Structure formats: structure tokens, C-alpha cells
């Protein structure tokens, strides 16, 4: 299947939640009732996880001067929480840690999404 054969997915973020009604005779499930097995159909769906260590603004000329070993100063300080995104939506804050000589993230706060 090529790119032109695929239909765009609906924008669920902008759909009115009140318009989604369970079939007659069924009650909607609250998140506390969802079982792990209910998630089986989506467990293999790829997502993009991004951890933002910090940001900066550079002129193109400064970017062109960067090379191996260059230092780029970011707007966050050591110990400040980093923002964690899944598919461009912020889901958590955390801290960078070192695990067996690899960088890792320890989640310190899960961001509640508005309903």
C-alpha cells in the first residue's frame, strides 16, 4: 500500500467526547475498569517518544560552525525536570539518570489530560 492509498486518520482530539455513545445496553468503561487484555489490539502500534532536555536558538551561521565536541548551551539547568512527549503530546516530566553507562529517564510526574 503506498502513501496515496491511505486515508487520513480522524483527529480524535477535536471530536466531541459527548458525541461518542456506547451501543445500547452497554455502559461506557471508566479507565479504572480497563484490563490489560483490552489493550492487546494496540500494543504493537508504533509511537514516537521524545524527551526534551532543553532548547536554544541559534543563527544558521552558528549551526554551521558546530562540530564534534561543540557545546550548545540549553535553557534548562542540571536537576530541572525534562518534558516527555508521546506523538507530540506532553505526557510526563522526569529526570535524566545514568543506568549502566546509558542515559535513562526516571518519570517523576504524569501529566493528566483534560477530559
PDB file of N, CA and C in Angstrom:
ATOM      1  N   UNK A   1       0.865  -1.174   0.000  1.00  0.00           N
ATOM      2  CA  UNK A   1       0.000   0.000   0.000  1.00  0.00           C
ATOM      3  C   UNK A   1       0.907   1.232   0.000  1.00  0.00           C
ATOM      4  N   UNK A   2       0.682   2.147  -0.925  1.00  0.00           N
ATOM      5  CA  UNK A   2       1.516   3.344  -0.938  1.00  0.00           C
ATOM      6  C   UNK A   2       0.806   4.482  -0.213  1.00  0.00           C
ATOM      7  N   UNK A   3       1.518   5.589  -0.075  1.00  0.00           N
ATOM      8  CA  UNK A   3       1.020   6.730   0.702  1.00  0.00           C
ATOM      9  C   UNK A   3      -0.315   7.246   0.181  1.00  0.00           C
ATOM     10  N   UNK A   4      -0.510   7.244  -1.145  1.00  0.00           N
ATOM     11  CA  UNK A   4      -1.748   7.794  -1.703  1.00  0.00           C
ATOM     12  C   UNK A   4      -2.945   6.885  -1.476  1.00  0.00           C
ATOM     13  N   UNK A   5      -2.708   5.583  -1.161  1.00  0.00           N
ATOM     14  CA  UNK A   5      -3.801   4.652  -0.909  1.00  0.00           C
ATOM     15  C   UNK A   5      -4.352   4.752   0.509  1.00  0.00           C
ATOM     16  N   UNK A   6      -3.648   5.461   1.379  1.00  0.00           N
ATOM     17  CA  UNK A   6      -4.051   5.522   2.781  1.00  0.00           C
ATOM     18  C   UNK A   6      -4.951   6.716   3.029  1.00  0.00           C
ATOM     19  N   UNK A   7      -6.046   6.489   3.721  1.00  0.00           N
ATOM     20  CA  UNK A   7      -6.934   7.577   4.115  1.00  0.00           C
ATOM     21  C   UNK A   7      -6.399   8.201   5.382  1.00  0.00           C
ATOM     22  N   UNK A   8      -6.558   9.518   5.567  1.00  0.00           N
ATOM     23  CA  UNK A   8      -6.080  10.129   6.805  1.00  0.00           C
ATOM     24  C   UNK A   8      -6.909   9.644   7.984  1.00  0.00           C
ATOM     25  N   UNK A   9      -6.241   9.525   9.131  1.00  0.00           N
ATOM     26  CA  UNK A   9      -6.938   9.103  10.344  1.00  0.00           C
ATOM     27  C   UNK A   9      -7.744  10.269  10.897  1.00  0.00           C
ATOM     28  N   UNK A  10      -8.856  10.005  11.568  1.00  0.00           N
ATOM     29  CA  UNK A  10      -9.651  11.100  12.145  1.00  0.00           C
ATOM     30  C   UNK A  10      -8.883  11.770  13.276  1.00  0.00           C
ATOM     31  N   UNK A  11      -9.118  13.052  13.475  1.00  0.00           N
ATOM     32  CA  UNK A  11      -8.494  13.808  14.554  1.00  0.00           C
ATOM     33  C   UNK A  11      -9.329  13.628  15.812  1.00  0.00           C
ATOM     34  N   UNK A  12      -8.995  12.609  16.599  1.00  0.00           N
ATOM     35  CA  UNK A  12      -9.787  12.269  17.776  1.00  0.00           C
ATOM     36  C   UNK A  12      -9.720  13.348  18.849  1.00  0.00           C
ATOM     37  N   UNK A  13      -8.631  14.123  18.866  1.00  0.00           N
ATOM     38  CA  UNK A  13      -8.507  15.178  19.873  1.00  0.00           C
ATOM     39  C   UNK A  13      -9.594  16.233  19.722  1.00  0.00           C
ATOM     40  N   UNK A  14     -10.043  16.459  18.489  1.00  0.00           N
ATOM     41  CA  UNK A  14     -11.018  17.512  18.246  1.00  0.00           C
ATOM     42  C   UNK A  14     -12.451  16.998  18.168  1.00  0.00           C
ATOM     43  N   UNK A  15     -12.648  15.697  18.336  1.00  0.00           N
ATOM     44  CA  UNK A  15     -14.011  15.161  18.301  1.00  0.00           C
ATOM     45  C   UNK A  15     -14.677  15.432  19.646  1.00  0.00           C
ATOM     46  N   UNK A  16     -15.929  15.733  19.621  1.00  0.00           N
ATOM     47  CA  UNK A  16     -16.664  15.971  20.870  1.00  0.00           C
ATOM     48  C   UNK A  16     -16.834  14.646  21.586  1.00  0.00           C
ATOM     49  N   UNK A  17     -16.331  14.550  22.805  1.00  0.00           N
ATOM     50  CA  UNK A  17     -16.432  13.308  23.560  1.00  0.00           C
ATOM     51  C   UNK A  17     -17.886  12.953  23.843  1.00  0.00           C
ATOM     52  N   UNK A  18     -18.726  13.955  23.996  1.00  0.00           N
ATOM     53  CA  UNK A  18     -20.126  13.674  24.303  1.00  0.00           C
ATOM     54  C   UNK A  18     -20.841  13.016  23.125  1.00  0.00           C
ATOM     55  N   UNK A  19     -20.292  13.148  21.922  1.00  0.00           N
ATOM     56  CA  UNK A  19     -20.927  12.555  20.750  1.00  0.00           C
ATOM     57  C   UNK A  19     -20.655  11.055  20.669  1.00  0.00           C
ATOM     58  N   UNK A  20     -19.693  10.570  21.437  1.00  0.00           N
ATOM     59  CA  UNK A  20     -19.358   9.152  21.405  1.00  0.00           C
ATOM     60  C   UNK A  20     -20.183   8.459  22.471  1.00  0.00           C
ATOM     61  N   UNK A  21     -21.123   7.659  22.043  1.00  0.00           N
ATOM     62  CA  UNK A  21     -22.021   6.958  22.962  1.00  0.00           C
ATOM     63  C   UNK A  21     -21.800   5.456  22.826  1.00  0.00           C
ATOM     64  N   UNK A  22     -21.824   4.711  23.948  1.00  0.00           N
ATOM     65  CA  UNK A  22     -21.710   3.253  23.843  1.00  0.00           C
ATOM     66  C   UNK A  22     -22.967   2.683  23.206  1.00  0.00           C
ATOM     67  N   UNK A  23     -22.868   1.503  22.580  1.00  0.00           N
ATOM     68  CA  UNK A  23     -24.053   0.874  21.998  1.00  0.00           C
ATOM     69  C   UNK A  23     -25.118   0.663  23.074  1.00  0.00           C
ATOM     70  N   UNK A  24     -26.390   0.633  22.634  1.00  0.00           N
ATOM     71  CA  UNK A  24     -27.496   0.471  23.577  1.00  0.00           C
ATOM     72  C   UNK A  24     -27.310  -0.801  24.386  1.00  0.00           C
ATOM     73  N   UNK A  25     -27.518  -0.716  25.684  1.00  0.00           N
ATOM     74  CA  UNK A  25     -27.373  -1.868  26.562  1.00  0.00           C
ATOM     75  C   UNK A  25     -25.977  -2.021  27.129  1.00  0.00           C
ATOM     76  N   UNK A  26     -24.999  -1.253  26.614  1.00  0.00           N
ATOM     77  CA  UNK A  26     -23.635  -1.313  27.148  1.00  0.00           C
ATOM     78  C   UNK A  26     -23.353  -0.025  27.899  1.00  0.00           C
ATOM     79  N   UNK A  27     -22.586  -0.138  28.939  1.00  0.00           N
ATOM     80  CA  UNK A  27     -22.181   1.034  29.710  1.00  0.00           C
ATOM     81  C   UNK A  27     -20.750   1.362  29.338  1.00  0.00           C
ATOM     82  N   UNK A  28     -20.435   2.661  29.321  1.00  0.00           N
ATOM     83  CA  UNK A  28     -19.061   3.032  28.998  1.00  0.00           C
ATOM     84  C   UNK A  28     -18.154   2.611  30.141  1.00  0.00           C
ATOM     85  N   UNK A  29     -16.932   2.240  29.793  1.00  0.00           N
ATOM     86  CA  UNK A  29     -15.975   1.801  30.799  1.00  0.00           C
ATOM     87  C   UNK A  29     -15.144   2.985  31.266  1.00  0.00           C
ATOM     88  N   UNK A  30     -14.940   3.106  32.537  1.00  0.00           N
ATOM     89  CA  UNK A  30     -14.046   4.136  33.051  1.00  0.00           C
ATOM     90  C   UNK A  30     -12.628   3.589  32.961  1.00  0.00           C
ATOM     91  N   UNK A  31     -11.607   4.472  32.925  1.00  0.00           N
ATOM     92  CA  UNK A  31     -10.225   3.995  32.804  1.00  0.00           C
ATOM     93  C   UNK A  31      -9.832   3.009  33.899  1.00  0.00           C
ATOM     94  N   UNK A  32     -10.446   3.076  35.075  1.00  0.00           N
ATOM     95  CA  UNK A  32     -10.076   2.174  36.164  1.00  0.00           C
ATOM     96  C   UNK A  32     -10.572   0.750  35.921  1.00  0.00           C
ATOM     97  N   UNK A  33     -11.457   0.549  34.954  1.00  0.00           N
ATOM     98  CA  UNK A  33     -12.027  -0.772  34.682  1.00  0.00           C
ATOM     99  C   UNK A  33     -11.313  -1.453  33.520  1.00  0.00           C
ATOM    100  N   UNK A  34     -10.541  -0.730  32.741  1.00  0.00           N
ATOM    101  CA  UNK A  34      -9.880  -1.297  31.563  1.00  0.00           C
ATOM    102  C   UNK A  34      -8.831  -2.313  32.006  1.00  0.00           C
ATOM    103  N   UNK A  35      -8.906  -3.509  31.404  1.00  0.00           N
ATOM    104  CA  UNK A  35      -7.948  -4.572  31.703  1.00  0.00           C
ATOM    105  C   UNK A  35      -6.808  -4.529  30.692  1.00  0.00           C
ATOM    106  N   UNK A  36      -5.663  -5.067  31.071  1.00  0.00           N
ATOM    107  CA  UNK A  36      -4.512  -5.092  30.175  1.00  0.00           C
ATOM    108  C   UNK A  36      -4.844  -5.793  28.867  1.00  0.00           C
ATOM    109  N   UNK A  37      -5.658  -6.841  28.928  1.00  0.00           N
ATOM    110  CA  UNK A  37      -6.022  -7.570  27.715  1.00  0.00           C
ATOM    111  C   UNK A  37      -6.845  -6.708  26.756  1.00  0.00           C
ATOM    112  N   UNK A  38      -7.516  -5.662  27.282  1.00  0.00           N
ATOM    113  CA  UNK A  38      -8.273  -4.752  26.423  1.00  0.00           C
ATOM    114  C   UNK A  38      -7.346  -3.960  25.506  1.00  0.00           C
ATOM    115  N   UNK A  39      -6.086  -3.842  25.887  1.00  0.00           N
ATOM    116  CA  UNK A  39      -5.131  -3.073  25.105  1.00  0.00           C
ATOM    117  C   UNK A  39      -4.404  -3.907  24.046  1.00  0.00           C
ATOM    118  N   UNK A  40      -4.627  -5.209  24.024  1.00  0.00           N
ATOM    119  CA  UNK A  40      -3.925  -6.082  23.085  1.00  0.00           C
ATOM    120  C   UNK A  40      -3.941  -5.581  21.639  1.00  0.00           C
ATOM    121  N   UNK A  41      -5.057  -5.059  21.115  1.00  0.00           N
ATOM    122  CA  UNK A  41      -5.066  -4.629  19.711  1.00  0.00           C
ATOM    123  C   UNK A  41      -4.110  -3.468  19.400  1.00  0.00           C
ATOM    124  N   UNK A  42      -3.688  -2.710  20.406  1.00  0.00           N
ATOM    125  CA  UNK A  42      -2.844  -1.543  20.128  1.00  0.00           C
ATOM    126  C   UNK A  42      -1.422  -1.678  20.653  1.00  0.00           C
ATOM    127  N   UNK A  43      -1.076  -2.797  21.249  1.00  0.00           N
ATOM    128  CA  UNK A  43       0.247  -2.940  21.854  1.00  0.00           C
ATOM    129  C   UNK A  43       1.379  -2.876  20.838  1.00  0.00           C
ATOM    130  N   UNK A  44       1.138  -3.200  19.579  1.00  0.00           N
ATOM    131  CA  UNK A  44       2.177  -3.168  18.548  1.00  0.00           C
ATOM    132  C   UNK A  44       2.170  -1.877  17.735  1.00  0.00           C
ATOM    133  N   UNK A  45       1.332  -0.920  18.078  1.00  0.00           N
ATOM    134  CA  UNK A  45       1.268   0.340  17.339  1.00  0.00           C
ATOM    135  C   UNK A  45       2.501   1.174  17.694  1.00  0.00           C
ATOM    136  N   UNK A  46       3.292   1.573  16.692  1.00  0.00           N
ATOM    137  CA  UNK A  46       4.485   2.371  16.997  1.00  0.00           C
ATOM    138  C   UNK A  46       4.114   3.794  17.395  1.00  0.00           C
ATOM    139  N   UNK A  47       4.862   4.338  18.339  1.00  0.00           N
ATOM    140  CA  UNK A  47       4.699   5.718  18.777  1.00  0.00           C
ATOM    141  C   UNK A  47       6.069   6.379  18.789  1.00  0.00           C
ATOM    142  N   UNK A  48       6.086   7.695  18.857  1.00  0.00           N
ATOM    143  CA  UNK A  48       7.335   8.426  18.970  1.00  0.00           C
ATOM    144  C   UNK A  48       7.418   9.034  20.359  1.00  0.00           C
ATOM    145  N   UNK A  49       8.430   8.649  21.124  1.00  0.00           N
ATOM    146  CA  UNK A  49       8.658   9.212  22.442  1.00  0.00           C
ATOM    147  C   UNK A  49       9.815  10.192  22.337  1.00  0.00           C
ATOM    148  N   UNK A  50       9.608  11.409  22.823  1.00  0.00           N
ATOM    149  CA  UNK A  50      10.619  12.451  22.768  1.00  0.00           C
ATOM    150  C   UNK A  50      10.839  13.001  24.166  1.00  0.00           C
ATOM    151  N   UNK A  51      12.093  13.101  24.567  1.00  0.00           N
ATOM    152  CA  UNK A  51      12.443  13.718  25.844  1.00  0.00           C
ATOM    153  C   UNK A  51      13.201  15.007  25.536  1.00  0.00           C
ATOM    154  N   UNK A  52      12.655  16.129  25.965  1.00  0.00           N
ATOM    155  CA  UNK A  52      13.249  17.433  25.678  1.00  0.00           C
ATOM    156  C   UNK A  52      14.189  17.808  26.820  1.00  0.00           C
ATOM    157  N   UNK A  53      15.479  17.756  26.547  1.00  0.00           N
ATOM    158  CA  UNK A  53      16.467  18.105  27.563  1.00  0.00           C
ATOM    159  C   UNK A  53      16.568  19.613  27.742  1.00  0.00           C
ATOM    160  N   UNK A  54      16.230  20.359  26.720  1.00  0.00           N
ATOM    161  CA  UNK A  54      16.294  21.812  26.756  1.00  0.00           C
ATOM    162  C   UNK A  54      16.223  22.350  25.345  1.00  0.00           C
ATOM    163  N   UNK A  55      16.154  23.648  25.239  1.00  0.00           N
ATOM    164  CA  UNK A  55      16.059  24.298  23.930  1.00  0.00           C
ATOM    165  C   UNK A  55      17.013  25.484  23.873  1.00  0.00           C
ATOM    166  N   UNK A  56      17.316  25.876  22.668  1.00  0.00           N
ATOM    167  CA  UNK A  56      18.111  27.088  22.451  1.00  0.00           C
ATOM    168  C   UNK A  56      17.810  27.613  21.061  1.00  0.00           C
ATOM    169  N   UNK A  57      18.152  28.852  20.827  1.00  0.00           N
ATOM    170  CA  UNK A  57      18.013  29.454  19.493  1.00  0.00           C
ATOM    171  C   UNK A  57      19.400  29.780  18.989  1.00  0.00           C
ATOM    172  N   UNK A  58      19.661  29.376  17.747  1.00  0.00           N
ATOM    173  CA  UNK A  58      20.955  29.635  17.125  1.00  0.00           C
ATOM    174  C   UNK A  58      20.749  30.214  15.734  1.00  0.00           C
ATOM    175  N   UNK A  59      21.626  31.090  15.358  1.00  0.00           N
ATOM    176  CA  UNK A  59      21.639  31.578  13.981  1.00  0.00           C
ATOM    177  C   UNK A  59      22.195  30.470  13.091  1.00  0.00           C
ATOM    178  N   UNK A  60      21.817  30.475  11.835  1.00  0.00           N
ATOM    179  CA  UNK A  60      22.299  29.453  10.900  1.00  0.00           C
ATOM    180  C   UNK A  60      23.818  29.440  10.857  1.00  0.00           C
ATOM    181  N   UNK A  61      24.428  30.597  10.904  1.00  0.00           N
ATOM    182  CA  UNK A  61      25.896  30.667  10.878  1.00  0.00           C
ATOM    183  C   UNK A  61      26.492  29.922  12.078  1.00  0.00           C
ATOM    184  N   UNK A  62      25.859  30.025  13.252  1.00  0.00           N
ATOM    185  CA  UNK A  62      26.352  29.318  14.438  1.00  0.00           C
ATOM    186  C   UNK A  62      26.172  27.806  14.296  1.00  0.00           C
ATOM    187  N   UNK A  63      25.066  27.380  13.700  1.00  0.00           N
ATOM    188  CA  UNK A  63      24.841  25.952  13.473  1.00  0.00           C
ATOM    189  C   UNK A  63      25.906  25.397  12.532  1.00  0.00           C
ATOM    190  N   UNK A  64      26.250  26.150  11.500  1.00  0.00           N
ATOM    191  CA  UNK A  64      27.252  25.691  10.534  1.00  0.00           C
ATOM    192  C   UNK A  64      28.636  25.564  11.149  1.00  0.00           C
ATOM    193  N   UNK A  65      28.891  26.277  12.246  1.00  0.00           N
ATOM    194  CA  UNK A  65      30.189  26.206  12.927  1.00  0.00           C
ATOM    195  C   UNK A  65      30.261  25.045  13.926  1.00  0.00           C
ATOM    196  N   UNK A  66      29.137  24.364  14.186  1.00  0.00           N
ATOM    197  CA  UNK A  66      29.145  23.254  15.130  1.00  0.00           C
ATOM    198  C   UNK A  66      29.926  22.085  14.550  1.00  0.00           C
ATOM    199  N   UNK A  67      30.682  21.408  15.400  1.00  0.00           N
ATOM    200  CA  UNK A  67      31.364  20.187  15.001  1.00  0.00           C
ATOM    201  C   UNK A  67      31.483  19.285  16.220  1.00  0.00           C
ATOM    202  N   UNK A  68      32.070  18.132  16.047  1.00  0.00           N
ATOM    203  CA  UNK A  68      32.211  17.195  17.153  1.00  0.00           C
ATOM    204  C   UNK A  68      32.916  17.871  18.322  1.00  0.00           C
ATOM    205  N   UNK A  69      32.319  17.784  19.491  1.00  0.00           N
ATOM    206  CA  UNK A  69      32.899  18.394  20.685  1.00  0.00           C
ATOM    207  C   UNK A  69      32.364  19.788  20.974  1.00  0.00           C
ATOM    208  N   UNK A  70      31.558  20.345  20.061  1.00  0.00           N
ATOM    209  CA  UNK A  70      30.975  21.665  20.294  1.00  0.00           C
ATOM    210  C   UNK A  70      30.018  21.593  21.477  1.00  0.00           C
ATOM    211  N   UNK A  71      29.924  22.669  22.214  1.00  0.00           N
ATOM    212  CA  UNK A  71      29.000  22.747  23.344  1.00  0.00           C
ATOM    213  C   UNK A  71      27.875  23.699  22.969  1.00  0.00           C
ATOM    214  N   UNK A  72      26.635  23.228  23.156  1.00  0.00           N
ATOM    215  CA  UNK A  72      25.465  24.055  22.893  1.00  0.00           C
ATOM    216  C   UNK A  72      24.762  24.258  24.228  1.00  0.00           C
ATOM    217  N   UNK A  73      24.663  25.507  24.662  1.00  0.00           N
ATOM    218  CA  UNK A  73      24.026  25.811  25.940  1.00  0.00           C
ATOM    219  C   UNK A  73      22.513  25.757  25.786  1.00  0.00           C
ATOM    220  N   UNK A  74      21.854  25.050  26.705  1.00  0.00           N
ATOM    221  CA  UNK A  74      20.403  24.901  26.676  1.00  0.00           C
ATOM    222  C   UNK A  74      19.771  25.776  27.749  1.00  0.00           C
ATOM    223  N   UNK A  75      18.440  25.920  27.682  1.00  0.00           N
ATOM    224  CA  UNK A  75      17.731  26.802  28.614  1.00  0.00           C
ATOM    225  C   UNK A  75      17.369  26.136  29.937  1.00  0.00           C
ATOM    226  N   UNK A  76      17.784  24.909  30.171  1.00  0.00           N
ATOM    227  CA  UNK A  76      17.492  24.216  31.434  1.00  0.00           C
ATOM    228  C   UNK A  76      18.782  23.989  32.204  1.00  0.00           C
ATOM    229  N   UNK A  77      18.629  23.876  33.517  1.00  0.00           N
ATOM    230  CA  UNK A  77      19.795  23.642  34.358  1.00  0.00           C
ATOM    231  C   UNK A  77      19.780  22.201  34.865  1.00  0.00           C
ATOM    232  N   UNK A  78      20.908  21.766  35.391  1.00  0.00           N
ATOM    233  CA  UNK A  78      21.017  20.418  35.940  1.00  0.00           C
ATOM    234  C   UNK A  78      20.004  20.259  37.071  1.00  0.00           C
ATOM    235  N   UNK A  79      19.293  19.155  37.063  1.00  0.00           N
ATOM    236  CA  UNK A  79      18.302  18.876  38.099  1.00  0.00           C
ATOM    237  C   UNK A  79      16.905  19.366  37.759  1.00  0.00           C
ATOM    238  N   UNK A  80      16.788  20.225  36.753  1.00  0.00           N
ATOM    239  CA  UNK A  80      15.468  20.708  36.338  1.00  0.00           C
ATOM    240  C   UNK A  80      14.753  19.580  35.588  1.00  0.00           C
ATOM    241  N   UNK A  81      13.436  19.404  35.816  1.00  0.00           N
ATOM    242  CA  UNK A  81      12.740  18.300  35.138  1.00  0.00           C
ATOM    243  C   UNK A  81      12.720  18.492  33.624  1.00  0.00           C
ATOM    244  N   UNK A  82      12.777  17.358  32.915  1.00  0.00           N
ATOM    245  CA  UNK A  82      12.677  17.392  31.457  1.00  0.00           C
ATOM    246  C   UNK A  82      11.250  17.034  31.061  1.00  0.00           C
ATOM    247  N   UNK A  83      10.831  17.492  29.902  1.00  0.00           N
ATOM    248  CA  UNK A  83       9.487  17.219  29.399  1.00  0.00           C
ATOM    249  C   UNK A  83       9.531  15.994  28.500  1.00  0.00           C
ATOM    250  N   UNK A  84       8.524  15.117  28.653  1.00  0.00           N
ATOM    251  CA  UNK A  84       8.460  13.876  27.893  1.00  0.00           C
ATOM    252  C   UNK A  84       7.168  13.885  27.077  1.00  0.00           C
ATOM    253  N   UNK A  85       7.309  13.654  25.784  1.00  0.00           N
ATOM    254  CA  UNK A  85       6.188  13.709  24.848  1.00  0.00           C
ATOM    255  C   UNK A  85       6.004  12.354  24.183  1.00  0.00           C
ATOM    256  N   UNK A  86       4.757  11.991  23.911  1.00  0.00           N
ATOM    257  CA  UNK A  86       4.438  10.865  23.036  1.00  0.00           C
ATOM    258  C   UNK A  86       3.611  11.434  21.896  1.00  0.00           C
ATOM    259  N   UNK A  87       4.117  11.231  20.673  1.00  0.00           N
ATOM    260  CA  UNK A  87       3.465  11.756  19.474  1.00  0.00           C
ATOM    261  C   UNK A  87       3.122  13.241  19.631  1.00  0.00           C
ATOM    262  N   UNK A  88       4.081  14.027  20.086  1.00  0.00           N
ATOM    263  CA  UNK A  88       3.977  15.485  20.227  1.00  0.00           C
ATOM    264  C   UNK A  88       2.997  15.937  21.304  1.00  0.00           C
ATOM    265  N   UNK A  89       2.579  15.055  22.184  1.00  0.00           N
ATOM    266  CA  UNK A  89       1.696  15.436  23.298  1.00  0.00           C
ATOM    267  C   UNK A  89       2.463  15.179  24.594  1.00  0.00           C
ATOM    268  N   UNK A  90       2.572  16.224  25.428  1.00  0.00           N
ATOM    269  CA  UNK A  90       3.300  16.073  26.682  1.00  0.00           C
ATOM    270  C   UNK A  90       2.539  15.139  27.609  1.00  0.00           C
ATOM    271  N   UNK A  91       3.231  14.103  28.087  1.00  0.00           N
ATOM    272  CA  UNK A  91       2.585  13.110  28.938  1.00  0.00           C
ATOM    273  C   UNK A  91       3.207  13.020  30.323  1.00  0.00           C
ATOM    274  N   UNK A  92       4.440  13.538  30.474  1.00  0.00           N
ATOM    275  CA  UNK A  92       5.111  13.381  31.767  1.00  0.00           C
ATOM    276  C   UNK A  92       6.285  14.349  31.883  1.00  0.00           C
ATOM    277  N   UNK A  93       6.789  14.441  33.107  1.00  0.00           N
ATOM    278  CA  UNK A  93       8.052  15.128  33.388  1.00  0.00           C
ATOM    279  C   UNK A  93       8.934  14.112  34.094  1.00  0.00           C
ATOM    280  N   UNK A  94      10.226  14.289  33.955  1.00  0.00           N
ATOM    281  CA  UNK A  94      11.128  13.336  34.582  1.00  0.00           C
ATOM    282  C   UNK A  94      12.516  13.913  34.734  1.00  0.00           C
ATOM    283  N   UNK A  95      13.431  13.050  35.127  1.00  0.00           N
ATOM    284  CA  UNK A  95      14.827  13.436  35.324  1.00  0.00           C
ATOM    285  C   UNK A  95      15.715  12.459  34.574  1.00  0.00           C
ATOM    286  N   UNK A  96      16.816  12.969  34.057  1.00  0.00           N
ATOM    287  CA  UNK A  96      17.788  12.126  33.366  1.00  0.00           C
ATOM    288  C   UNK A  96      18.628  11.418  34.425  1.00  0.00           C
ATOM    289  N   UNK A  97      18.813  10.114  34.243  1.00  0.00           N
ATOM    290  CA  UNK A  97      19.646   9.330  35.148  1.00  0.00           C
ATOM    291  C   UNK A  97      20.618   8.498  34.319  1.00  0.00           C
ATOM    292  N   UNK A  98      21.609   7.947  34.970  1.00  0.00           N
ATOM    293  CA  UNK A  98      22.594   7.105  34.310  1.00  0.00           C
ATOM    294  C   UNK A  98      22.384   5.664  34.772  1.00  0.00           C
ATOM    295  N   UNK A  99      22.192   4.744  33.818  1.00  0.00           N
ATOM    296  CA  UNK A  99      21.996   3.329  34.120  1.00  0.00           C
ATOM    297  C   UNK A  99      22.984   2.534  33.277  1.00  0.00           C
ATOM    298  N   UNK A 100      23.939   1.885  33.932  1.00  0.00           N
ATOM    299  CA  UNK A 100      24.947   1.081  33.227  1.00  0.00           C
ATOM    300  C   UNK A 100      25.571   1.835  32.056  1.00  0.00           C
ATOM    301  N   UNK A 101      26.017   3.047  32.288  1.00  0.00           N
ATOM    302  CA  UNK A 101      26.682   3.895  31.295  1.00  0.00           C
ATOM    303  C   UNK A 101      25.772   4.330  30.148  1.00  0.00           C
ATOM    304  N   UNK A 102      24.453   4.209  30.317  1.00  0.00           N
ATOM    305  CA  UNK A 102      23.491   4.691  29.335  1.00  0.00           C
ATOM    306  C   UNK A 102      22.573   5.708  30.002  1.00  0.00           C
ATOM    307  N   UNK A 103      22.117   6.675  29.230  1.00  0.00           N
ATOM    308  CA  UNK A 103      21.168   7.642  29.765  1.00  0.00           C
ATOM    309  C   UNK A 103      19.784   7.011  29.835  1.00  0.00           C
ATOM    310  N   UNK A 104      19.048   7.341  30.882  1.00  0.00           N
ATOM    311  CA  UNK A 104      17.684   6.859  31.061  1.00  0.00           C
ATOM    312  C   UNK A 104      16.867   7.999  31.647  1.00  0.00           C
ATOM    313  N   UNK A 105      15.563   7.800  31.703  1.00  0.00           N
ATOM    314  CA  UNK A 105      14.668   8.816  32.258  1.00  0.00           C
ATOM    315  C   UNK A 105      13.877   8.193  33.392  1.00  0.00           C
ATOM    316  N   UNK A 106      13.851   8.879  34.523  1.00  0.00           N
ATOM    317  CA  UNK A 106      13.008   8.479  35.633  1.00  0.00           C
ATOM    318  C   UNK A 106      11.800   9.393  35.634  1.00  0.00           C
ATOM    319  N   UNK A 107      10.593   8.832  35.476  1.00  0.00           N
ATOM    320  CA  UNK A 107       9.389   9.645  35.471  1.00  0.00           C
ATOM    321  C   UNK A 107       9.090  10.137  36.875  1.00  0.00           C
ATOM    322  N   UNK A 108       8.840  11.428  37.001  1.00  0.00           N
ATOM    323  CA  UNK A 108       8.542  11.994  38.309  1.00  0.00           C
ATOM    324  C   UNK A 108       7.124  12.534  38.387  1.00  0.00           C
ATOM    325  N   UNK A 109       6.515  12.784  37.231  1.00  0.00           N
ATOM    326  CA  UNK A 109       5.154  13.320  37.208  1.00  0.00           C
ATOM    327  C   UNK A 109       4.467  12.910  35.916  1.00  0.00           C
ATOM    328  N   UNK A 110       3.276  12.336  36.030  1.00  0.00           N
ATOM    329  CA  UNK A 110       2.449  12.012  34.863  1.00  0.00           C
ATOM    330  C   UNK A 110       1.472  13.159  34.683  1.00  0.00           C
ATOM    331  N   UNK A 111       1.402  13.689  33.479  1.00  0.00           N
ATOM    332  CA  UNK A 111       0.512  14.819  33.188  1.00  0.00           C
ATOM    333  C   UNK A 111      -0.883  14.295  32.917  1.00  0.00           C
ATOM    334  N   UNK A 112      -1.834  14.765  33.691  1.00  0.00           N
ATOM    335  CA  UNK A 112      -3.245  14.391  33.483  1.00  0.00           C
ATOM    336  C   UNK A 112      -3.764  15.124  32.260  1.00  0.00           C
ATOM    337  N   UNK A 113      -4.427  14.400  31.371  1.00  0.00           N
ATOM    338  CA  UNK A 113      -5.013  15.041  30.194  1.00  0.00           C
ATOM    339  C   UNK A 113      -6.431  15.464  30.527  1.00  0.00           C
ATOM    340  N   UNK A 114      -6.853  16.650  30.083  1.00  0.00           N
ATOM    341  CA  UNK A 114      -8.213  17.087  30.374  1.00  0.00           C
ATOM    342  C   UNK A 114      -9.231  16.211  29.655  1.00  0.00           C
ATOM    343  N   UNK A 115     -10.383  15.975  30.284  1.00  0.00           N
ATOM    344  CA  UNK A 115     -11.414  15.149  29.656  1.00  0.00           C
ATOM    345  C   UNK A 115     -12.460  16.013  29.008  1.00  0.00           C
TER     346      UNK A 115
END
